[in-house]
Amino acid sequence: MSITNYQLIDLCKFYKIPTHGVYMKDELKLIPAVNGNYIINLDSSSTGRNGTHWTCLILNDKLGNVFFDSFGCIPSLEVIDFIKRSKLKTYGYNNWIIQDIHSEFCGFFCLAFFIYIKNQLKEQNIIKSSNIFVNIFVDNTKQNDTILKDFFRKLKPNKIVKTILLK
């Protein structure tokens, strides 16, 4: 994992992505499930590690709930329990692997997901926007790091993006 929780928070502020925070999956039981954006690490806080893999979740009782994992995995039980505590208990998720197993850019995939959804929701629903985002990428997961980098090059990249992703 090449990006820290603090860097993710800074990037969300820079790109004007409102978040309710960055959490380890077991910490979700400690917070209320309210509308908003969440960045979730699939590691548990009790392991003593700095995390394993970043995923994200959007809860919105009007537009829908959607979970995003660049490895295309279903939400963990902790994430599912968290969603079930929200007003809208149903959710969508992607099941297509877009991140290469050797890539460390999971946090950037989450950030790109948030940015894309934020910019597209005016025109379409959250599930359709999520599908369109995932379809930006290709079956060759090694090539998807380049697509991700190009996504951020088109935006105004800040220092964190330049030093970690675009180096």
C-alpha atoms as a PDB file:
ATOM      1  CA  MET A   1       0.000   0.000   0.000  1.00  0.00           C
ATOM      2  CA  SER A   2       1.734   3.126  -1.160  1.00  0.00           C
ATOM      3  CA  ILE A   3      -0.579   5.791   0.238  1.00  0.00           C
ATOM      4  CA  THR A   4      -1.420   6.511   3.863  1.00  0.00           C
ATOM      5  CA  ASN A   5      -4.727   7.361   5.473  1.00  0.00           C
ATOM      6  CA  TYR A   6      -3.458  10.905   6.101  1.00  0.00           C
ATOM      7  CA  GLN A   7      -2.553  11.334   2.438  1.00  0.00           C
ATOM      8  CA  LEU A   8      -5.979  10.032   1.393  1.00  0.00           C
ATOM      9  CA  ILE A   9      -7.655  12.575   3.675  1.00  0.00           C
ATOM     10  CA  ASP A  10      -5.484  15.366   2.237  1.00  0.00           C
ATOM     11  CA  LEU A  11      -6.290  14.271  -1.323  1.00  0.00           C
ATOM     12  CA  CYS A  12     -10.021  14.160  -0.608  1.00  0.00           C
ATOM     13  CA  LYS A  13      -9.799  17.738   0.682  1.00  0.00           C
ATOM     14  CA  PHE A  14      -7.742  18.815  -2.338  1.00  0.00           C
ATOM     15  CA  TYR A  15     -10.232  17.303  -4.811  1.00  0.00           C
ATOM     16  CA  LYS A  16     -13.215  18.514  -2.727  1.00  0.00           C
ATOM     17  CA  ILE A  17     -14.479  15.018  -1.952  1.00  0.00           C
ATOM     18  CA  PRO A  18     -16.366  15.161   1.345  1.00  0.00           C
ATOM     19  CA  THR A  19     -15.668  12.074   3.435  1.00  0.00           C
ATOM     20  CA  HIS A  20     -16.775  10.791   6.778  1.00  0.00           C
ATOM     21  CA  GLY A  21     -13.295   9.457   7.297  1.00  0.00           C
ATOM     22  CA  VAL A  22     -10.821   6.680   6.708  1.00  0.00           C
ATOM     23  CA  TYR A  23     -11.378   3.495   8.713  1.00  0.00           C
ATOM     24  CA  MET A  24     -10.081   0.008   9.219  1.00  0.00           C
ATOM     25  CA  LYS A  25     -12.931  -2.425   8.546  1.00  0.00           C
ATOM     26  CA  ASP A  26     -13.459  -3.341  12.203  1.00  0.00           C
ATOM     27  CA  GLU A  27     -13.808   0.352  13.168  1.00  0.00           C
ATOM     28  CA  LEU A  28     -17.030   0.668  11.156  1.00  0.00           C
ATOM     29  CA  LYS A  29     -18.993  -0.822  14.065  1.00  0.00           C
ATOM     30  CA  LEU A  30     -18.018   2.235  16.135  1.00  0.00           C
ATOM     31  CA  ILE A  31     -19.487   4.892  13.854  1.00  0.00           C
ATOM     32  CA  PRO A  32     -23.011   5.710  12.634  1.00  0.00           C
ATOM     33  CA  ALA A  33     -23.908   4.635   9.087  1.00  0.00           C
ATOM     34  CA  VAL A  34     -24.986   7.961   7.618  1.00  0.00           C
ATOM     35  CA  ASN A  35     -24.983   9.307   4.071  1.00  0.00           C
ATOM     36  CA  GLY A  36     -21.515  10.044   2.777  1.00  0.00           C
ATOM     37  CA  ASN A  37     -18.219   8.762   1.441  1.00  0.00           C
ATOM     38  CA  TYR A  38     -16.078   6.321   3.397  1.00  0.00           C
ATOM     39  CA  ILE A  39     -12.593   4.985   2.723  1.00  0.00           C
ATOM     40  CA  ILE A  40     -12.156   1.546   4.254  1.00  0.00           C
ATOM     41  CA  ASN A  41      -9.027  -0.514   4.697  1.00  0.00           C
ATOM     42  CA  LEU A  42      -9.689  -4.252   4.623  1.00  0.00           C
ATOM     43  CA  ASP A  43      -7.239  -4.848   7.464  1.00  0.00           C
ATOM     44  CA  SER A  44      -8.318  -4.817  11.116  1.00  0.00           C
ATOM     45  CA  SER A  45      -7.017  -2.270  13.575  1.00  0.00           C
ATOM     46  CA  SER A  46      -5.950  -5.042  15.961  1.00  0.00           C
ATOM     47  CA  THR A  47      -3.294  -6.503  13.624  1.00  0.00           C
ATOM     48  CA  GLY A  48      -0.764  -3.751  14.325  1.00  0.00           C
ATOM     49  CA  ARG A  49      -0.104  -3.365  10.591  1.00  0.00           C
ATOM     50  CA  ASN A  50      -0.621  -0.149   8.682  1.00  0.00           C
ATOM     51  CA  GLY A  51      -3.281  -1.715   6.483  1.00  0.00           C
ATOM     52  CA  THR A  52      -3.525  -4.008   3.501  1.00  0.00           C
ATOM     53  CA  HIS A  53      -5.902  -2.697   0.828  1.00  0.00           C
ATOM     54  CA  TRP A  54      -8.039   0.437   0.366  1.00  0.00           C
ATOM     55  CA  THR A  55     -11.671   0.210  -0.709  1.00  0.00           C
ATOM     56  CA  CYS A  56     -14.461   2.757  -0.571  1.00  0.00           C
ATOM     57  CA  LEU A  57     -18.163   3.069   0.037  1.00  0.00           C
ATOM     58  CA  ILE A  58     -20.791   5.646  -0.796  1.00  0.00           C
ATOM     59  CA  LEU A  59     -23.937   5.629   1.325  1.00  0.00           C
ATOM     60  CA  ASN A  60     -26.801   7.677  -0.047  1.00  0.00           C
ATOM     61  CA  ASP A  61     -30.378   6.847   0.891  1.00  0.00           C
ATOM     62  CA  LYS A  62     -31.714   8.720  -2.163  1.00  0.00           C
ATOM     63  CA  LEU A  63     -29.236   7.724  -4.877  1.00  0.00           C
ATOM     64  CA  GLY A  64     -28.159   4.317  -3.589  1.00  0.00           C
ATOM     65  CA  ASN A  65     -25.300   2.659  -1.772  1.00  0.00           C
ATOM     66  CA  VAL A  66     -22.276   1.428  -3.685  1.00  0.00           C
ATOM     67  CA  PHE A  67     -19.093  -0.345  -2.596  1.00  0.00           C
ATOM     68  CA  PHE A  68     -15.960  -0.149  -4.727  1.00  0.00           C
ATOM     69  CA  ASP A  69     -12.969  -2.492  -4.586  1.00  0.00           C
ATOM     70  CA  SER A  70     -10.369  -2.279  -7.356  1.00  0.00           C
ATOM     71  CA  PHE A  71      -9.796  -6.032  -6.914  1.00  0.00           C
ATOM     72  CA  GLY A  72     -13.491  -6.637  -7.622  1.00  0.00           C
ATOM     73  CA  CYS A  73     -14.200  -8.383  -4.307  1.00  0.00           C
ATOM     74  CA  ILE A  74     -17.548  -8.363  -2.570  1.00  0.00           C
ATOM     75  CA  PRO A  75     -17.752  -6.260   0.592  1.00  0.00           C
ATOM     76  CA  SER A  76     -16.426  -7.802   3.797  1.00  0.00           C
ATOM     77  CA  LEU A  77     -18.894  -8.811   6.502  1.00  0.00           C
ATOM     78  CA  GLU A  78     -17.989  -5.672   8.459  1.00  0.00           C
ATOM     79  CA  VAL A  79     -18.852  -3.484   5.466  1.00  0.00           C
ATOM     80  CA  ILE A  80     -22.102  -5.372   4.837  1.00  0.00           C
ATOM     81  CA  ASP A  81     -23.093  -4.960   8.505  1.00  0.00           C
ATOM     82  CA  PHE A  82     -22.294  -1.247   8.235  1.00  0.00           C
ATOM     83  CA  ILE A  83     -24.464  -0.868   5.121  1.00  0.00           C
ATOM     84  CA  LYS A  84     -27.318  -2.738   6.840  1.00  0.00           C
ATOM     85  CA  ARG A  85     -27.277  -0.059   9.553  1.00  0.00           C
ATOM     86  CA  SER A  86     -27.925   2.663   6.967  1.00  0.00           C
ATOM     87  CA  LYS A  87     -31.387   3.832   5.891  1.00  0.00           C
ATOM     88  CA  LEU A  88     -31.085   2.128   2.498  1.00  0.00           C
ATOM     89  CA  LYS A  89     -29.955  -1.425   3.216  1.00  0.00           C
ATOM     90  CA  THR A  90     -29.367  -2.519  -0.385  1.00  0.00           C
ATOM     91  CA  TYR A  91     -26.154  -1.827  -2.263  1.00  0.00           C
ATOM     92  CA  GLY A  92     -24.287  -2.358  -5.472  1.00  0.00           C
ATOM     93  CA  TYR A  93     -20.652  -3.322  -5.925  1.00  0.00           C
ATOM     94  CA  ASN A  94     -18.226  -3.925  -8.751  1.00  0.00           C
ATOM     95  CA  ASN A  95     -16.953  -7.435  -9.418  1.00  0.00           C
ATOM     96  CA  TRP A  96     -14.417  -6.664 -12.115  1.00  0.00           C
ATOM     97  CA  ILE A  97     -10.715  -6.744 -11.259  1.00  0.00           C
ATOM     98  CA  ILE A  98      -9.124  -3.522 -12.501  1.00  0.00           C
ATOM     99  CA  GLN A  99      -6.064  -3.386 -10.243  1.00  0.00           C
ATOM    100  CA  ASP A 100      -3.047  -5.561 -10.942  1.00  0.00           C
ATOM    101  CA  ILE A 101      -1.976  -7.796  -8.049  1.00  0.00           C
ATOM    102  CA  HIS A 102       1.448  -6.085  -8.070  1.00  0.00           C
ATOM    103  CA  SER A 103       0.039  -2.539  -8.113  1.00  0.00           C
ATOM    104  CA  GLU A 104      -0.002  -0.485  -4.922  1.00  0.00           C
ATOM    105  CA  PHE A 105      -2.450   2.117  -6.198  1.00  0.00           C
ATOM    106  CA  CYS A 106      -5.660   0.921  -4.517  1.00  0.00           C
ATOM    107  CA  GLY A 107      -6.046   4.236  -2.666  1.00  0.00           C
ATOM    108  CA  PHE A 108      -5.765   6.137  -5.928  1.00  0.00           C
ATOM    109  CA  PHE A 109      -8.360   3.879  -7.560  1.00  0.00           C
ATOM    110  CA  CYS A 110     -10.724   4.745  -4.673  1.00  0.00           C
ATOM    111  CA  LEU A 111     -10.009   8.441  -5.003  1.00  0.00           C
ATOM    112  CA  ALA A 112     -10.579   8.316  -8.777  1.00  0.00           C
ATOM    113  CA  PHE A 113     -13.877   6.493  -8.117  1.00  0.00           C
ATOM    114  CA  PHE A 114     -15.051   9.253  -5.754  1.00  0.00           C
ATOM    115  CA  ILE A 115     -14.002  11.995  -8.182  1.00  0.00           C
ATOM    116  CA  TYR A 116     -15.742  10.315 -11.118  1.00  0.00           C
ATOM    117  CA  ILE A 117     -18.966   9.685  -9.202  1.00  0.00           C
ATOM    118  CA  LYS A 118     -19.007  13.251  -7.862  1.00  0.00           C
ATOM    119  CA  ASN A 119     -18.686  14.646 -11.395  1.00  0.00           C
ATOM    120  CA  GLN A 120     -21.231  12.263 -12.991  1.00  0.00           C
ATOM    121  CA  LEU A 121     -24.089  12.112 -10.500  1.00  0.00           C
ATOM    122  CA  LYS A 122     -25.683  15.219 -11.945  1.00  0.00           C
ATOM    123  CA  GLU A 123     -26.323  13.265 -15.134  1.00  0.00           C
ATOM    124  CA  GLN A 124     -27.089   9.690 -14.050  1.00  0.00           C
ATOM    125  CA  ASN A 125     -27.688   7.392 -11.102  1.00  0.00           C
ATOM    126  CA  ILE A 126     -24.945   6.099  -8.845  1.00  0.00           C
ATOM    127  CA  ILE A 127     -24.986   2.484 -10.088  1.00  0.00           C
ATOM    128  CA  LYS A 128     -24.841   3.524 -13.736  1.00  0.00           C
ATOM    129  CA  SER A 129     -22.033   5.991 -12.938  1.00  0.00           C
ATOM    130  CA  SER A 130     -20.144   3.250 -11.076  1.00  0.00           C
ATOM    131  CA  ASN A 131     -20.418   0.908 -14.051  1.00  0.00           C
ATOM    132  CA  ILE A 132     -19.200   3.588 -16.448  1.00  0.00           C
ATOM    133  CA  PHE A 133     -16.219   4.298 -14.163  1.00  0.00           C
ATOM    134  CA  VAL A 134     -15.181   0.650 -14.025  1.00  0.00           C
ATOM    135  CA  ASN A 135     -15.505   0.424 -17.807  1.00  0.00           C
ATOM    136  CA  ILE A 136     -12.859   3.131 -18.233  1.00  0.00           C
ATOM    137  CA  PHE A 137     -10.413   0.328 -17.471  1.00  0.00           C
ATOM    138  CA  VAL A 138      -9.453  -2.733 -19.527  1.00  0.00           C
ATOM    139  CA  ASP A 139      -8.964  -6.467 -18.976  1.00  0.00           C
ATOM    140  CA  ASN A 140      -5.170  -6.030 -18.907  1.00  0.00           C
ATOM    141  CA  THR A 141      -4.699  -4.994 -15.270  1.00  0.00           C
ATOM    142  CA  LYS A 142      -1.087  -3.924 -15.858  1.00  0.00           C
ATOM    143  CA  GLN A 143      -2.359  -1.350 -18.355  1.00  0.00           C
ATOM    144  CA  ASN A 144      -4.870   0.002 -15.826  1.00  0.00           C
ATOM    145  CA  ASP A 145      -2.158   1.751 -13.784  1.00  0.00           C
ATOM    146  CA  THR A 146      -1.435   3.824 -16.901  1.00  0.00           C
ATOM    147  CA  ILE A 147      -5.140   4.573 -17.361  1.00  0.00           C
ATOM    148  CA  LEU A 148      -5.322   5.629 -13.693  1.00  0.00           C
ATOM    149  CA  LYS A 149      -2.283   7.889 -14.095  1.00  0.00           C
ATOM    150  CA  ASP A 150      -3.828   9.468 -17.190  1.00  0.00           C
ATOM    151  CA  PHE A 151      -7.039  10.076 -15.217  1.00  0.00           C
ATOM    152  CA  PHE A 152      -5.092  12.096 -12.635  1.00  0.00           C
ATOM    153  CA  ARG A 153      -2.943  13.875 -15.249  1.00  0.00           C
ATOM    154  CA  LYS A 154      -6.157  15.316 -16.715  1.00  0.00           C
ATOM    155  CA  LEU A 155      -7.011  16.717 -13.287  1.00  0.00           C
ATOM    156  CA  LYS A 156      -4.883  19.180 -11.409  1.00  0.00           C
ATOM    157  CA  PRO A 157      -2.451  16.773  -9.699  1.00  0.00           C
ATOM    158  CA  ASN A 158      -1.172  17.866  -6.305  1.00  0.00           C
ATOM    159  CA  LYS A 159       2.172  17.055  -4.664  1.00  0.00           C
ATOM    160  CA  ILE A 160       1.027  13.688  -3.252  1.00  0.00           C
ATOM    161  CA  VAL A 161      -0.244  12.503  -6.646  1.00  0.00           C
ATOM    162  CA  LYS A 162       2.922  13.694  -8.344  1.00  0.00           C
ATOM    163  CA  THR A 163       5.308  12.019  -5.872  1.00  0.00           C
ATOM    164  CA  ILE A 164       3.523   8.669  -5.475  1.00  0.00           C
ATOM    165  CA  LEU A 165       1.414   7.998  -8.553  1.00  0.00           C
ATOM    166  CA  LEU A 166       3.064  10.032 -11.295  1.00  0.00           C
ATOM    167  CA  LYS A 167       6.716   9.610 -10.302  1.00  0.00           C
END
